[in-house]
């Protein structure tokens, strides 16, 4: 459990740092600084969010009603 909390704290710190960099320097400068890590993080975030929002939740609602 401790490894998860350490990893979570490290990732959250890096995400906050990236968000602050985008806010201060702009997206292009942040992409030059962080490279593909920033791109992959954004894609992963939206993939998980949209999958749960548009696939999992409607499936659970439909299976409960049928």
C-alpha atoms as a PDB file:
ATOM      1  CA  UNK A   1       0.000   0.000   0.000  1.00  0.00           C
ATOM      2  CA  UNK A   2       2.877   2.357   0.733  1.00  0.00           C
ATOM      3  CA  UNK A   3       4.256   1.968  -2.803  1.00  0.00           C
ATOM      4  CA  UNK A   4       0.934   3.058  -4.266  1.00  0.00           C
ATOM      5  CA  UNK A   5       0.797   6.146  -2.070  1.00  0.00           C
ATOM      6  CA  UNK A   6       4.386   7.096  -2.951  1.00  0.00           C
ATOM      7  CA  UNK A   7       3.681   6.618  -6.665  1.00  0.00           C
ATOM      8  CA  UNK A   8       0.398   8.516  -6.397  1.00  0.00           C
ATOM      9  CA  UNK A   9       2.060  11.421  -4.602  1.00  0.00           C
ATOM     10  CA  UNK A  10       4.860  11.546  -7.155  1.00  0.00           C
ATOM     11  CA  UNK A  11       2.491  11.453 -10.121  1.00  0.00           C
ATOM     12  CA  UNK A  12       0.163  14.055  -8.638  1.00  0.00           C
ATOM     13  CA  UNK A  13       3.113  16.352  -7.958  1.00  0.00           C
ATOM     14  CA  UNK A  14       4.295  15.977 -11.547  1.00  0.00           C
ATOM     15  CA  UNK A  15       0.778  16.574 -12.906  1.00  0.00           C
ATOM     16  CA  UNK A  16       0.447  19.771 -10.864  1.00  0.00           C
ATOM     17  CA  UNK A  17       3.855  20.880 -12.113  1.00  0.00           C
ATOM     18  CA  UNK A  18       2.816  20.214 -15.727  1.00  0.00           C
ATOM     19  CA  UNK A  19      -0.471  22.086 -15.295  1.00  0.00           C
ATOM     20  CA  UNK A  20       1.335  25.064 -13.809  1.00  0.00           C
ATOM     21  CA  UNK A  21       3.844  24.984 -16.661  1.00  0.00           C
ATOM     22  CA  UNK A  22       1.042  24.992 -19.239  1.00  0.00           C
ATOM     23  CA  UNK A  23      -0.625  27.891 -17.469  1.00  0.00           C
ATOM     24  CA  UNK A  24       2.547  29.980 -17.218  1.00  0.00           C
ATOM     25  CA  UNK A  25       4.496  29.069 -20.370  1.00  0.00           C
ATOM     26  CA  UNK A  26       1.817  27.863 -22.759  1.00  0.00           C
ATOM     27  CA  UNK A  27       1.162  24.486 -24.324  1.00  0.00           C
ATOM     28  CA  UNK A  28       3.951  24.603 -26.897  1.00  0.00           C
ATOM     29  CA  UNK A  29       6.671  25.376 -24.343  1.00  0.00           C
ATOM     30  CA  UNK A  30       5.321  22.730 -21.995  1.00  0.00           C
ATOM     31  CA  UNK A  31       5.349  20.139 -24.775  1.00  0.00           C
ATOM     32  CA  UNK A  32       8.979  21.003 -25.519  1.00  0.00           C
ATOM     33  CA  UNK A  33       9.821  20.651 -21.832  1.00  0.00           C
ATOM     34  CA  UNK A  34       7.923  17.433 -21.021  1.00  0.00           C
ATOM     35  CA  UNK A  35       7.656  15.860 -24.465  1.00  0.00           C
ATOM     36  CA  UNK A  36       5.607  12.741 -24.983  1.00  0.00           C
ATOM     37  CA  UNK A  37       4.981  12.255 -21.257  1.00  0.00           C
ATOM     38  CA  UNK A  38       2.582  15.193 -21.303  1.00  0.00           C
ATOM     39  CA  UNK A  39       0.844  13.928 -24.435  1.00  0.00           C
ATOM     40  CA  UNK A  40       0.498  10.371 -23.102  1.00  0.00           C
ATOM     41  CA  UNK A  41      -0.806  11.621 -19.757  1.00  0.00           C
ATOM     42  CA  UNK A  42      -3.512  13.711 -21.441  1.00  0.00           C
ATOM     43  CA  UNK A  43      -4.526  10.829 -23.734  1.00  0.00           C
ATOM     44  CA  UNK A  44      -4.660   8.371 -20.827  1.00  0.00           C
ATOM     45  CA  UNK A  45      -6.739  10.767 -18.727  1.00  0.00           C
ATOM     46  CA  UNK A  46      -9.334  11.319 -21.441  1.00  0.00           C
ATOM     47  CA  UNK A  47      -9.383   7.629 -22.392  1.00  0.00           C
ATOM     48  CA  UNK A  48     -10.206   6.569 -18.835  1.00  0.00           C
ATOM     49  CA  UNK A  49     -12.687   9.393 -18.329  1.00  0.00           C
ATOM     50  CA  UNK A  50     -14.575   8.845 -21.566  1.00  0.00           C
ATOM     51  CA  UNK A  51     -14.606   5.063 -21.223  1.00  0.00           C
ATOM     52  CA  UNK A  52     -16.173   5.270 -17.807  1.00  0.00           C
ATOM     53  CA  UNK A  53     -18.542   8.058 -18.794  1.00  0.00           C
ATOM     54  CA  UNK A  54     -19.794   6.717 -22.128  1.00  0.00           C
ATOM     55  CA  UNK A  55     -19.397   2.931 -21.819  1.00  0.00           C
ATOM     56  CA  UNK A  56     -19.272   1.674 -18.232  1.00  0.00           C
ATOM     57  CA  UNK A  57     -21.912   3.888 -16.612  1.00  0.00           C
ATOM     58  CA  UNK A  58     -24.524   3.420 -19.392  1.00  0.00           C
ATOM     59  CA  UNK A  59     -23.871  -0.332 -19.348  1.00  0.00           C
ATOM     60  CA  UNK A  60     -24.433  -0.509 -15.598  1.00  0.00           C
ATOM     61  CA  UNK A  61     -27.599   1.584 -15.849  1.00  0.00           C
ATOM     62  CA  UNK A  62     -28.953  -0.514 -18.735  1.00  0.00           C
ATOM     63  CA  UNK A  63     -28.153  -3.818 -17.040  1.00  0.00           C
ATOM     64  CA  UNK A  64     -29.936  -2.702 -13.880  1.00  0.00           C
ATOM     65  CA  UNK A  65     -33.082  -1.793 -15.819  1.00  0.00           C
ATOM     66  CA  UNK A  66     -33.211  -4.846 -18.083  1.00  0.00           C
END
